[in-house]
Amino acid sequence: MSASFVKSTLWKESTFSSIAGVSLFYKSTLIDYIDTTGGVGRAGLTASAWAIKMGFVSPHPSLQMVADASKDHNQSLPDQLEHQVVMSMVERVIAMIRCRRGLKAIESFEQVHFLAAYVAWLREKAVRQ
C-alpha cells in the first residue's frame, strides 16, 4: 500500500502507536457498524495486530526477497509491489489466527481493511527510521 493510501484512511499515526491503541480505536469507531460474534472477531483482530507488531508474520518468502533486495539498493518498492507485500502479510496473519482461534476470527471486510492499513503504517514507519 502506498503512503497515500495510509494517509487517505481515517486513522492517524497516533492511532497505531500500540496494540492497546489498535483495540481502543477499533472499539470506538467501528464496533457500532460491524455485527460480530461476541469475542471472536474483535479478539481475532487484536491478536492479529499483536502478532504483526511482534514480527511473528512476514510476507511470502518470494515477496520478502524482493523487498530485501530493494532495501539493499536503497530503493522503495513500487506501490503495486508494496500492496502485494502488505496483503501477503495480512493473509498470512489471518490464516495463522484462524488456525489457532477458530474460523470466525477476522469476520468482516472492515477488519481486513484495518489490518492492511496497520501493516502499511508499520512498514512506512520502519522505512522512516
N, C-alpha and C. Protein backbone atom coordinates (compact mmCIF):
# COMPACT_ATOMS: atom_id res chain seq x y z
N MET A 1 0.84 -1.17 0.00
CA MET A 1 0.00 0.00 0.00
C MET A 1 0.88 1.23 0.00
N SER A 2 0.46 2.20 -0.70
CA SER A 2 1.26 3.41 -0.78
C SER A 2 1.02 4.29 0.44
N ALA A 3 1.92 5.23 0.60
CA ALA A 3 1.77 6.17 1.70
C ALA A 3 0.48 6.96 1.56
N SER A 4 0.09 7.24 0.31
CA SER A 4 -1.14 7.99 0.11
C SER A 4 -2.35 7.20 0.58
N PHE A 5 -2.31 5.86 0.45
CA PHE A 5 -3.42 5.05 0.94
C PHE A 5 -3.54 5.19 2.45
N VAL A 6 -2.42 5.09 3.14
CA VAL A 6 -2.45 5.18 4.59
C VAL A 6 -2.94 6.56 5.01
N LYS A 7 -2.48 7.60 4.34
CA LYS A 7 -2.90 8.95 4.70
C LYS A 7 -4.36 9.20 4.37
N SER A 8 -4.90 8.47 3.38
CA SER A 8 -6.28 8.71 3.00
C SER A 8 -7.27 8.00 3.91
N THR A 9 -6.79 7.13 4.76
CA THR A 9 -7.69 6.44 5.68
C THR A 9 -8.05 7.36 6.84
N LEU A 10 -8.96 6.91 7.64
CA LEU A 10 -9.41 7.70 8.78
C LEU A 10 -8.42 7.71 9.93
N TRP A 11 -7.42 6.82 9.88
CA TRP A 11 -6.55 6.62 11.02
C TRP A 11 -5.34 7.53 10.96
N LYS A 12 -4.91 7.97 12.12
CA LYS A 12 -3.74 8.81 12.23
C LYS A 12 -2.62 8.01 12.87
N GLU A 13 -1.42 8.53 12.78
CA GLU A 13 -0.27 7.82 13.30
C GLU A 13 -0.42 7.49 14.77
N SER A 14 -0.95 8.38 15.56
CA SER A 14 -1.08 8.13 16.99
C SER A 14 -2.03 6.97 17.27
N THR A 15 -2.91 6.69 16.33
CA THR A 15 -3.86 5.60 16.49
C THR A 15 -3.13 4.27 16.59
N PHE A 16 -2.07 4.11 15.82
CA PHE A 16 -1.37 2.84 15.74
C PHE A 16 -0.19 2.74 16.69
N SER A 17 -0.08 3.62 17.66
CA SER A 17 1.12 3.67 18.48
C SER A 17 1.31 2.44 19.34
N SER A 18 0.25 1.71 19.61
CA SER A 18 0.39 0.49 20.41
C SER A 18 -0.77 -0.45 20.10
N ILE A 19 -0.63 -1.67 20.52
CA ILE A 19 -1.72 -2.63 20.34
C ILE A 19 -2.94 -2.18 21.12
N ALA A 20 -2.74 -1.60 22.28
CA ALA A 20 -3.88 -1.08 23.03
C ALA A 20 -4.57 0.00 22.23
N GLY A 21 -3.79 0.82 21.54
CA GLY A 21 -4.37 1.85 20.69
C GLY A 21 -5.19 1.25 19.57
N VAL A 22 -4.71 0.16 19.00
CA VAL A 22 -5.46 -0.52 17.94
C VAL A 22 -6.79 -0.98 18.48
N SER A 23 -6.77 -1.61 19.63
CA SER A 23 -8.01 -2.12 20.21
C SER A 23 -8.96 -1.00 20.56
N LEU A 24 -8.45 0.07 21.18
CA LEU A 24 -9.31 1.19 21.56
C LEU A 24 -9.89 1.88 20.34
N PHE A 25 -9.07 2.09 19.31
CA PHE A 25 -9.56 2.73 18.10
C PHE A 25 -10.65 1.89 17.47
N TYR A 26 -10.38 0.61 17.35
CA TYR A 26 -11.33 -0.28 16.70
C TYR A 26 -12.66 -0.28 17.45
N LYS A 27 -12.60 -0.39 18.76
CA LYS A 27 -13.83 -0.43 19.55
C LYS A 27 -14.59 0.89 19.46
N SER A 28 -13.87 1.99 19.44
CA SER A 28 -14.55 3.29 19.49
C SER A 28 -15.10 3.73 18.14
N THR A 29 -14.57 3.23 17.03
CA THR A 29 -15.01 3.74 15.74
C THR A 29 -15.79 2.76 14.89
N LEU A 30 -15.42 1.50 14.93
CA LEU A 30 -16.03 0.56 14.01
C LEU A 30 -17.05 -0.37 14.65
N ILE A 31 -17.03 -0.50 15.95
CA ILE A 31 -17.86 -1.50 16.60
C ILE A 31 -19.34 -1.29 16.36
N ASP A 32 -19.77 -0.05 16.24
CA ASP A 32 -21.18 0.21 16.01
C ASP A 32 -21.64 -0.20 14.62
N TYR A 33 -20.71 -0.35 13.69
CA TYR A 33 -21.06 -0.63 12.31
C TYR A 33 -20.91 -2.09 11.92
N ILE A 34 -20.29 -2.88 12.76
CA ILE A 34 -19.99 -4.27 12.41
C ILE A 34 -20.70 -5.20 13.36
N ASP A 35 -21.47 -6.11 12.83
CA ASP A 35 -22.14 -7.11 13.64
C ASP A 35 -21.21 -8.32 13.73
N THR A 36 -20.61 -8.55 14.90
CA THR A 36 -19.68 -9.67 15.06
C THR A 36 -20.15 -10.60 16.16
N THR A 37 -19.64 -11.81 16.11
CA THR A 37 -19.91 -12.78 17.16
C THR A 37 -19.09 -12.37 18.38
N GLY A 38 -19.69 -12.42 19.55
CA GLY A 38 -19.02 -11.96 20.76
C GLY A 38 -17.69 -12.63 21.02
N GLY A 39 -16.62 -11.84 21.09
CA GLY A 39 -15.31 -12.34 21.46
C GLY A 39 -14.55 -13.08 20.39
N VAL A 40 -15.03 -13.07 19.17
CA VAL A 40 -14.32 -13.80 18.11
C VAL A 40 -13.65 -12.83 17.15
N GLY A 41 -14.43 -11.98 16.50
CA GLY A 41 -13.88 -11.06 15.50
C GLY A 41 -12.95 -10.02 16.08
N ARG A 42 -13.39 -9.35 17.13
CA ARG A 42 -12.57 -8.31 17.75
C ARG A 42 -11.33 -8.92 18.41
N ALA A 43 -11.50 -10.03 19.08
CA ALA A 43 -10.35 -10.68 19.71
C ALA A 43 -9.37 -11.17 18.65
N GLY A 44 -9.89 -11.68 17.55
CA GLY A 44 -9.02 -12.10 16.45
C GLY A 44 -8.27 -10.93 15.85
N LEU A 45 -8.95 -9.78 15.75
CA LEU A 45 -8.31 -8.58 15.22
C LEU A 45 -7.17 -8.14 16.13
N THR A 46 -7.43 -8.12 17.42
CA THR A 46 -6.40 -7.71 18.37
C THR A 46 -5.23 -8.70 18.36
N ALA A 47 -5.53 -9.98 18.31
CA ALA A 47 -4.46 -11.00 18.25
C ALA A 47 -3.66 -10.86 16.96
N SER A 48 -4.33 -10.56 15.86
CA SER A 48 -3.64 -10.38 14.58
C SER A 48 -2.73 -9.16 14.62
N ALA A 49 -3.23 -8.06 15.14
CA ALA A 49 -2.42 -6.84 15.23
C ALA A 49 -1.21 -7.07 16.13
N TRP A 50 -1.41 -7.78 17.22
CA TRP A 50 -0.30 -8.09 18.13
C TRP A 50 0.74 -8.95 17.43
N ALA A 51 0.30 -9.98 16.70
CA ALA A 51 1.23 -10.88 16.00
C ALA A 51 2.04 -10.12 14.95
N ILE A 52 1.38 -9.20 14.26
CA ILE A 52 2.08 -8.39 13.26
C ILE A 52 3.10 -7.48 13.94
N LYS A 53 2.68 -6.81 14.99
CA LYS A 53 3.57 -5.88 15.70
C LYS A 53 4.79 -6.60 16.27
N MET A 54 4.60 -7.81 16.77
CA MET A 54 5.70 -8.56 17.37
C MET A 54 6.60 -9.22 16.33
N GLY A 55 6.22 -9.16 15.06
CA GLY A 55 7.06 -9.71 14.00
C GLY A 55 6.88 -11.20 13.78
N PHE A 56 5.77 -11.76 14.22
CA PHE A 56 5.52 -13.19 14.04
C PHE A 56 5.08 -13.53 12.62
N VAL A 57 4.76 -12.52 11.84
CA VAL A 57 4.25 -12.74 10.49
C VAL A 57 5.11 -11.96 9.50
N SER A 58 5.49 -12.63 8.45
CA SER A 58 6.26 -11.97 7.39
C SER A 58 5.55 -12.21 6.06
N PRO A 59 5.91 -11.45 5.04
CA PRO A 59 5.29 -11.68 3.74
C PRO A 59 5.74 -13.03 3.17
N HIS A 60 5.11 -13.42 2.11
CA HIS A 60 5.51 -14.64 1.41
C HIS A 60 7.01 -14.53 1.10
N PRO A 61 7.76 -15.63 1.21
CA PRO A 61 9.22 -15.56 1.03
C PRO A 61 9.66 -14.92 -0.29
N SER A 62 8.95 -15.16 -1.38
CA SER A 62 9.35 -14.56 -2.65
C SER A 62 9.21 -13.04 -2.61
N LEU A 63 8.14 -12.57 -1.97
CA LEU A 63 7.96 -11.12 -1.83
C LEU A 63 8.97 -10.53 -0.85
N GLN A 64 9.30 -11.28 0.18
CA GLN A 64 10.29 -10.82 1.15
C GLN A 64 11.65 -10.65 0.49
N MET A 65 12.01 -11.56 -0.43
CA MET A 65 13.29 -11.45 -1.13
C MET A 65 13.35 -10.17 -1.97
N VAL A 66 12.25 -9.87 -2.65
CA VAL A 66 12.20 -8.65 -3.47
C VAL A 66 12.29 -7.41 -2.58
N ALA A 67 11.56 -7.42 -1.48
CA ALA A 67 11.59 -6.28 -0.55
C ALA A 67 13.00 -6.08 0.02
N ASP A 68 13.64 -7.18 0.38
CA ASP A 68 15.01 -7.08 0.92
C ASP A 68 15.98 -6.56 -0.13
N ALA A 69 15.81 -7.00 -1.37
CA ALA A 69 16.68 -6.54 -2.45
C ALA A 69 16.52 -5.05 -2.67
N SER A 70 15.30 -4.56 -2.58
CA SER A 70 15.09 -3.12 -2.78
C SER A 70 15.71 -2.32 -1.64
N LYS A 71 15.68 -2.87 -0.41
CA LYS A 71 16.32 -2.19 0.72
C LYS A 71 17.83 -2.12 0.53
N ASP A 72 18.41 -3.23 0.01
CA ASP A 72 19.86 -3.27 -0.21
C ASP A 72 20.31 -2.21 -1.20
N HIS A 73 19.44 -1.87 -2.15
CA HIS A 73 19.77 -0.86 -3.16
C HIS A 73 19.20 0.52 -2.82
N ASN A 74 18.73 0.66 -1.59
CA ASN A 74 18.14 1.93 -1.11
C ASN A 74 17.05 2.45 -2.04
N GLN A 75 16.22 1.54 -2.50
CA GLN A 75 15.10 1.92 -3.36
C GLN A 75 13.80 1.58 -2.64
N SER A 76 12.77 2.33 -2.94
CA SER A 76 11.47 1.99 -2.39
C SER A 76 10.75 1.06 -3.37
N LEU A 77 9.88 0.26 -2.82
CA LEU A 77 9.11 -0.65 -3.66
C LEU A 77 8.05 0.12 -4.45
N PRO A 78 7.77 -0.30 -5.67
CA PRO A 78 6.64 0.30 -6.39
C PRO A 78 5.35 0.06 -5.60
N ASP A 79 4.38 0.95 -5.76
CA ASP A 79 3.14 0.87 -4.99
C ASP A 79 2.45 -0.49 -5.13
N GLN A 80 2.42 -1.03 -6.33
CA GLN A 80 1.73 -2.31 -6.54
C GLN A 80 2.45 -3.44 -5.78
N LEU A 81 3.75 -3.43 -5.80
CA LEU A 81 4.50 -4.46 -5.08
C LEU A 81 4.38 -4.28 -3.57
N GLU A 82 4.38 -3.04 -3.12
CA GLU A 82 4.18 -2.78 -1.69
C GLU A 82 2.81 -3.29 -1.25
N HIS A 83 1.82 -3.07 -2.08
CA HIS A 83 0.46 -3.56 -1.78
C HIS A 83 0.47 -5.09 -1.68
N GLN A 84 1.18 -5.76 -2.57
CA GLN A 84 1.25 -7.23 -2.52
C GLN A 84 1.94 -7.71 -1.24
N VAL A 85 2.97 -7.02 -0.81
CA VAL A 85 3.67 -7.38 0.43
C VAL A 85 2.72 -7.22 1.61
N VAL A 86 2.03 -6.09 1.66
CA VAL A 86 1.10 -5.83 2.77
C VAL A 86 0.00 -6.89 2.80
N MET A 87 -0.62 -7.15 1.66
CA MET A 87 -1.72 -8.11 1.63
C MET A 87 -1.23 -9.54 1.91
N SER A 88 -0.01 -9.84 1.53
CA SER A 88 0.55 -11.15 1.86
C SER A 88 0.66 -11.31 3.37
N MET A 89 1.11 -10.27 4.03
CA MET A 89 1.21 -10.33 5.50
C MET A 89 -0.16 -10.46 6.14
N VAL A 90 -1.14 -9.73 5.61
CA VAL A 90 -2.50 -9.80 6.15
C VAL A 90 -3.07 -11.20 5.96
N GLU A 91 -2.91 -11.76 4.77
CA GLU A 91 -3.41 -13.11 4.51
C GLU A 91 -2.77 -14.14 5.43
N ARG A 92 -1.46 -14.01 5.63
CA ARG A 92 -0.75 -14.97 6.46
C ARG A 92 -1.14 -14.85 7.94
N VAL A 93 -1.33 -13.63 8.43
CA VAL A 93 -1.72 -13.48 9.84
C VAL A 93 -3.15 -13.99 10.05
N ILE A 94 -4.04 -13.74 9.09
CA ILE A 94 -5.41 -14.24 9.23
C ILE A 94 -5.41 -15.76 9.25
N ALA A 95 -4.63 -16.38 8.38
CA ALA A 95 -4.56 -17.84 8.36
C ALA A 95 -4.02 -18.37 9.69
N MET A 96 -3.00 -17.72 10.23
CA MET A 96 -2.42 -18.16 11.50
C MET A 96 -3.43 -18.02 12.64
N ILE A 97 -4.09 -16.88 12.71
CA ILE A 97 -5.04 -16.64 13.81
C ILE A 97 -6.25 -17.55 13.69
N ARG A 98 -6.74 -17.77 12.48
CA ARG A 98 -7.87 -18.68 12.31
C ARG A 98 -7.49 -20.11 12.67
N CYS A 99 -6.26 -20.49 12.40
CA CYS A 99 -5.80 -21.84 12.76
C CYS A 99 -5.78 -22.00 14.29
N ARG A 100 -5.41 -20.94 14.99
CA ARG A 100 -5.27 -21.03 16.44
C ARG A 100 -6.54 -20.68 17.20
N ARG A 101 -7.35 -19.75 16.69
CA ARG A 101 -8.51 -19.27 17.43
C ARG A 101 -9.83 -19.79 16.91
N GLY A 102 -9.91 -20.11 15.65
CA GLY A 102 -11.16 -20.56 15.06
C GLY A 102 -11.41 -19.88 13.72
N LEU A 103 -12.27 -20.47 12.93
CA LEU A 103 -12.51 -19.97 11.58
C LEU A 103 -13.25 -18.64 11.53
N LYS A 104 -13.85 -18.22 12.62
CA LYS A 104 -14.60 -16.97 12.61
C LYS A 104 -13.74 -15.76 12.99
N ALA A 105 -12.49 -15.98 13.33
CA ALA A 105 -11.61 -14.85 13.64
C ALA A 105 -11.44 -14.01 12.38
N ILE A 106 -11.48 -12.71 12.51
CA ILE A 106 -11.46 -11.76 11.40
C ILE A 106 -12.66 -12.04 10.51
N GLU A 107 -13.78 -11.43 10.89
CA GLU A 107 -15.06 -11.75 10.27
C GLU A 107 -15.48 -10.83 9.14
N SER A 108 -14.94 -9.64 9.05
CA SER A 108 -15.50 -8.69 8.10
C SER A 108 -14.43 -8.01 7.25
N PHE A 109 -14.90 -7.39 6.18
CA PHE A 109 -14.03 -6.63 5.30
C PHE A 109 -13.36 -5.48 6.07
N GLU A 110 -14.10 -4.84 6.95
CA GLU A 110 -13.55 -3.72 7.70
C GLU A 110 -12.38 -4.15 8.58
N GLN A 111 -12.46 -5.35 9.12
CA GLN A 111 -11.35 -5.85 9.94
C GLN A 111 -10.13 -6.12 9.07
N VAL A 112 -10.33 -6.68 7.89
CA VAL A 112 -9.21 -6.92 6.97
C VAL A 112 -8.61 -5.58 6.53
N HIS A 113 -9.47 -4.62 6.22
CA HIS A 113 -9.01 -3.30 5.81
C HIS A 113 -8.19 -2.63 6.93
N PHE A 114 -8.64 -2.78 8.15
CA PHE A 114 -7.93 -2.23 9.29
C PHE A 114 -6.54 -2.86 9.40
N LEU A 115 -6.46 -4.18 9.28
CA LEU A 115 -5.16 -4.86 9.36
C LEU A 115 -4.24 -4.41 8.24
N ALA A 116 -4.79 -4.25 7.03
CA ALA A 116 -3.97 -3.81 5.90
C ALA A 116 -3.42 -2.41 6.15
N ALA A 117 -4.24 -1.52 6.66
CA ALA A 117 -3.77 -0.16 6.97
C ALA A 117 -2.74 -0.19 8.09
N TYR A 118 -2.93 -1.06 9.05
CA TYR A 118 -1.98 -1.17 10.17
C TYR A 118 -0.63 -1.69 9.68
N VAL A 119 -0.63 -2.71 8.84
CA VAL A 119 0.62 -3.25 8.29
C VAL A 119 1.31 -2.17 7.45
N ALA A 120 0.56 -1.47 6.61
CA ALA A 120 1.14 -0.42 5.78
C ALA A 120 1.77 0.67 6.64
N TRP A 121 1.08 1.03 7.72
CA TRP A 121 1.61 2.05 8.62
C TRP A 121 2.90 1.58 9.28
N LEU A 122 2.93 0.33 9.75
CA LEU A 122 4.14 -0.20 10.38
C LEU A 122 5.31 -0.22 9.40
N ARG A 123 5.03 -0.61 8.16
CA ARG A 123 6.09 -0.67 7.16
C ARG A 123 6.60 0.75 6.82
N GLU A 124 5.68 1.68 6.71
CA GLU A 124 6.07 3.06 6.43
C GLU A 124 6.89 3.63 7.58
N LYS A 125 6.48 3.32 8.79
CA LYS A 125 7.19 3.79 9.99
C LYS A 125 8.61 3.22 10.02
N ALA A 126 8.76 1.94 9.65
CA ALA A 126 10.07 1.30 9.65
C ALA A 126 11.00 1.94 8.61
N VAL A 127 10.46 2.35 7.50
CA VAL A 127 11.26 2.98 6.45
C VAL A 127 11.77 4.34 6.91
N ARG A 128 10.93 5.07 7.65
CA ARG A 128 11.31 6.40 8.13
C ARG A 128 12.40 6.35 9.18
N GLN A 129 12.55 5.25 9.89
CA GLN A 129 13.53 5.18 10.98
C GLN A 129 14.90 4.86 10.52
